[in-house]
Amino acid sequence: MQFFMNKQDKIAAIVKKVSKKPTAPDPDESLFDSGYLDSFALTDMVTELEQEFGLTIPDADLSPRRFESIARIEHYLNQKAG
């Protein structure tokens, strides 16, 4: 049986990789307030997101508010893909 990861699972895996934390945060949890990301890790995460989802995220979009939580990142990626 093959396991398919949904978009939130993929984002959570990237957050875990970039933050080097053993667990992923809840989808609505603040990645910055909870210590998963800081401004340096944000750029690393964006690079990973670009590679995983095959898109380019412009520098103008690099607002911490836009990448505040897994749910917000998913919403952003859905807008970019649409």
N, C-alpha and C. Protein backbone atom coordinates (compact mmCIF):
# COMPACT_ATOMS: atom_id res chain seq x y z
N MET A 1 0.84 -1.19 0.00
CA MET A 1 0.00 0.00 0.00
C MET A 1 0.88 1.24 0.00
N GLN A 2 0.55 2.16 -0.85
CA GLN A 2 1.33 3.38 -0.97
C GLN A 2 0.75 4.47 -0.08
N PHE A 3 1.62 5.23 0.53
CA PHE A 3 1.18 6.31 1.42
C PHE A 3 1.29 7.63 0.68
N PHE A 4 0.18 8.34 0.60
CA PHE A 4 0.17 9.65 -0.06
C PHE A 4 0.11 10.74 0.99
N MET A 5 1.04 11.68 0.91
CA MET A 5 1.03 12.81 1.83
C MET A 5 0.21 13.93 1.21
N ASN A 6 -0.66 14.52 2.02
CA ASN A 6 -1.38 15.68 1.52
C ASN A 6 -0.48 16.91 1.66
N LYS A 7 -0.96 18.03 1.21
CA LYS A 7 -0.14 19.25 1.18
C LYS A 7 0.28 19.66 2.60
N GLN A 8 -0.64 19.57 3.56
CA GLN A 8 -0.27 19.94 4.94
C GLN A 8 0.80 19.02 5.49
N ASP A 9 0.72 17.72 5.16
CA ASP A 9 1.74 16.78 5.63
C ASP A 9 3.11 17.13 5.05
N LYS A 10 3.13 17.48 3.78
CA LYS A 10 4.39 17.85 3.14
C LYS A 10 4.96 19.12 3.76
N ILE A 11 4.10 20.10 4.01
CA ILE A 11 4.55 21.35 4.64
C ILE A 11 5.08 21.06 6.04
N ALA A 12 4.36 20.23 6.79
CA ALA A 12 4.79 19.87 8.15
C ALA A 12 6.15 19.18 8.13
N ALA A 13 6.37 18.31 7.15
CA ALA A 13 7.66 17.62 7.03
C ALA A 13 8.78 18.62 6.75
N ILE A 14 8.50 19.61 5.92
CA ILE A 14 9.50 20.65 5.63
C ILE A 14 9.79 21.47 6.88
N VAL A 15 8.74 21.83 7.62
CA VAL A 15 8.92 22.60 8.86
C VAL A 15 9.79 21.82 9.84
N LYS A 16 9.52 20.53 9.98
CA LYS A 16 10.32 19.69 10.88
C LYS A 16 11.77 19.66 10.43
N LYS A 17 12.00 19.50 9.13
CA LYS A 17 13.36 19.42 8.60
C LYS A 17 14.12 20.73 8.86
N VAL A 18 13.48 21.85 8.54
CA VAL A 18 14.14 23.15 8.68
C VAL A 18 14.36 23.50 10.15
N SER A 19 13.38 23.19 10.99
CA SER A 19 13.47 23.57 12.41
C SER A 19 14.33 22.59 13.21
N LYS A 20 14.57 21.40 12.63
CA LYS A 20 15.32 20.34 13.32
C LYS A 20 14.63 19.93 14.62
N LYS A 21 13.32 20.00 14.62
CA LYS A 21 12.54 19.57 15.79
C LYS A 21 11.94 18.19 15.49
N PRO A 22 11.73 17.39 16.52
CA PRO A 22 11.25 16.02 16.29
C PRO A 22 9.77 15.92 15.94
N THR A 23 9.02 16.95 16.22
CA THR A 23 7.58 16.91 15.95
C THR A 23 7.17 18.12 15.12
N ALA A 24 6.06 17.99 14.45
CA ALA A 24 5.52 19.11 13.68
C ALA A 24 4.48 19.84 14.54
N PRO A 25 4.33 21.13 14.32
CA PRO A 25 3.31 21.89 15.08
C PRO A 25 1.92 21.59 14.56
N ASP A 26 0.92 21.99 15.32
CA ASP A 26 -0.46 21.92 14.85
C ASP A 26 -0.61 22.84 13.64
N PRO A 27 -1.55 22.53 12.74
CA PRO A 27 -1.70 23.34 11.52
C PRO A 27 -1.91 24.83 11.75
N ASP A 28 -2.57 25.20 12.85
CA ASP A 28 -2.84 26.62 13.11
C ASP A 28 -1.89 27.25 14.12
N GLU A 29 -0.93 26.49 14.61
CA GLU A 29 0.02 27.00 15.60
C GLU A 29 1.03 27.94 14.93
N SER A 30 1.38 29.01 15.60
CA SER A 30 2.36 29.95 15.06
C SER A 30 3.74 29.32 15.02
N LEU A 31 4.31 29.26 13.83
CA LEU A 31 5.64 28.66 13.67
C LEU A 31 6.72 29.54 14.29
N PHE A 32 6.45 30.83 14.40
CA PHE A 32 7.43 31.76 14.95
C PHE A 32 7.32 31.81 16.48
N ASP A 33 6.09 31.94 16.99
CA ASP A 33 5.89 32.02 18.45
C ASP A 33 6.30 30.72 19.14
N SER A 34 6.13 29.60 18.45
CA SER A 34 6.43 28.30 19.06
C SER A 34 7.88 27.88 18.85
N GLY A 35 8.66 28.72 18.16
CA GLY A 35 10.09 28.44 18.01
C GLY A 35 10.47 27.53 16.86
N TYR A 36 9.52 27.20 16.00
CA TYR A 36 9.85 26.37 14.84
C TYR A 36 10.63 27.14 13.79
N LEU A 37 10.31 28.42 13.64
CA LEU A 37 10.98 29.24 12.63
C LEU A 37 11.43 30.56 13.21
N ASP A 38 12.49 31.09 12.61
CA ASP A 38 12.88 32.48 12.83
C ASP A 38 13.13 33.06 11.44
N SER A 39 13.58 34.29 11.37
CA SER A 39 13.73 34.93 10.06
C SER A 39 14.76 34.21 9.19
N PHE A 40 15.76 33.59 9.80
CA PHE A 40 16.77 32.86 9.02
C PHE A 40 16.19 31.55 8.49
N ALA A 41 15.46 30.84 9.34
CA ALA A 41 14.87 29.56 8.93
C ALA A 41 13.77 29.77 7.89
N LEU A 42 13.13 30.94 7.90
CA LEU A 42 12.08 31.22 6.93
C LEU A 42 12.61 31.08 5.50
N THR A 43 13.78 31.64 5.23
CA THR A 43 14.32 31.56 3.87
C THR A 43 14.67 30.11 3.50
N ASP A 44 15.18 29.34 4.46
CA ASP A 44 15.46 27.92 4.20
C ASP A 44 14.17 27.18 3.89
N MET A 45 13.11 27.47 4.66
CA MET A 45 11.84 26.80 4.44
C MET A 45 11.27 27.15 3.07
N VAL A 46 11.36 28.42 2.69
CA VAL A 46 10.83 28.85 1.40
C VAL A 46 11.54 28.11 0.27
N THR A 47 12.86 27.95 0.38
CA THR A 47 13.61 27.20 -0.63
C THR A 47 13.09 25.76 -0.73
N GLU A 48 12.86 25.14 0.41
CA GLU A 48 12.33 23.77 0.44
C GLU A 48 10.93 23.71 -0.18
N LEU A 49 10.09 24.69 0.15
CA LEU A 49 8.74 24.73 -0.42
C LEU A 49 8.79 24.88 -1.94
N GLU A 50 9.68 25.73 -2.42
CA GLU A 50 9.82 25.93 -3.86
C GLU A 50 10.21 24.62 -4.55
N GLN A 51 11.13 23.89 -3.95
CA GLN A 51 11.58 22.63 -4.54
C GLN A 51 10.47 21.58 -4.47
N GLU A 52 9.81 21.46 -3.33
CA GLU A 52 8.78 20.44 -3.14
C GLU A 52 7.58 20.66 -4.07
N PHE A 53 7.17 21.92 -4.20
CA PHE A 53 5.93 22.21 -4.93
C PHE A 53 6.18 22.78 -6.33
N GLY A 54 7.44 22.90 -6.74
CA GLY A 54 7.76 23.31 -8.09
C GLY A 54 7.29 24.71 -8.45
N LEU A 55 7.50 25.65 -7.53
CA LEU A 55 7.09 27.03 -7.80
C LEU A 55 8.15 27.98 -7.29
N THR A 56 8.02 29.23 -7.69
CA THR A 56 8.92 30.28 -7.23
C THR A 56 8.14 31.23 -6.35
N ILE A 57 8.67 31.47 -5.17
CA ILE A 57 8.05 32.40 -4.23
C ILE A 57 8.83 33.70 -4.30
N PRO A 58 8.22 34.78 -4.79
CA PRO A 58 8.96 36.04 -4.93
C PRO A 58 9.33 36.64 -3.57
N ASP A 59 10.45 37.37 -3.57
CA ASP A 59 10.91 38.01 -2.33
C ASP A 59 9.83 38.89 -1.71
N ALA A 60 9.01 39.50 -2.55
CA ALA A 60 7.94 40.38 -2.04
C ALA A 60 6.94 39.61 -1.18
N ASP A 61 6.88 38.29 -1.34
CA ASP A 61 5.94 37.47 -0.56
C ASP A 61 6.53 36.95 0.75
N LEU A 62 7.79 37.26 1.03
CA LEU A 62 8.45 36.70 2.21
C LEU A 62 8.08 37.43 3.49
N SER A 63 6.82 37.44 3.79
CA SER A 63 6.32 38.06 5.01
C SER A 63 6.07 36.97 6.05
N PRO A 64 6.60 37.14 7.27
CA PRO A 64 6.33 36.14 8.30
C PRO A 64 4.85 35.87 8.51
N ARG A 65 4.00 36.88 8.33
CA ARG A 65 2.55 36.68 8.49
C ARG A 65 2.02 35.65 7.50
N ARG A 66 2.55 35.69 6.29
CA ARG A 66 2.09 34.78 5.23
C ARG A 66 2.50 33.34 5.55
N PHE A 67 3.59 33.17 6.28
CA PHE A 67 4.11 31.85 6.60
C PHE A 67 4.01 31.56 8.11
N GLU A 68 2.98 32.13 8.73
CA GLU A 68 2.79 32.06 10.18
C GLU A 68 2.49 30.65 10.68
N SER A 69 1.77 29.88 9.88
CA SER A 69 1.37 28.54 10.31
C SER A 69 1.30 27.62 9.09
N ILE A 70 1.22 26.33 9.35
CA ILE A 70 1.10 25.36 8.25
C ILE A 70 -0.17 25.64 7.45
N ALA A 71 -1.25 25.98 8.13
CA ALA A 71 -2.51 26.26 7.44
C ALA A 71 -2.37 27.49 6.53
N ARG A 72 -1.69 28.53 7.02
CA ARG A 72 -1.49 29.73 6.18
C ARG A 72 -0.60 29.44 4.98
N ILE A 73 0.43 28.62 5.20
CA ILE A 73 1.32 28.26 4.10
C ILE A 73 0.54 27.48 3.05
N GLU A 74 -0.31 26.55 3.51
CA GLU A 74 -1.12 25.78 2.57
C GLU A 74 -2.03 26.71 1.77
N HIS A 75 -2.68 27.66 2.43
CA HIS A 75 -3.55 28.62 1.76
C HIS A 75 -2.75 29.41 0.71
N TYR A 76 -1.58 29.86 1.08
CA TYR A 76 -0.72 30.62 0.16
C TYR A 76 -0.36 29.77 -1.06
N LEU A 77 0.06 28.53 -0.81
CA LEU A 77 0.44 27.65 -1.93
C LEU A 77 -0.74 27.36 -2.84
N ASN A 78 -1.92 27.21 -2.26
CA ASN A 78 -3.12 26.98 -3.07
C ASN A 78 -3.41 28.19 -3.96
N GLN A 79 -3.19 29.40 -3.44
CA GLN A 79 -3.39 30.61 -4.24
C GLN A 79 -2.37 30.67 -5.38
N LYS A 80 -1.12 30.30 -5.07
CA LYS A 80 -0.06 30.34 -6.09
C LYS A 80 -0.32 29.32 -7.20
N ALA A 81 -0.85 28.17 -6.81
CA ALA A 81 -1.09 27.10 -7.78
C ALA A 81 -2.31 27.38 -8.64
N GLY A 82 -3.27 28.14 -8.06
CA GLY A 82 -4.52 28.40 -8.75
C GLY A 82 -4.34 29.38 -9.86
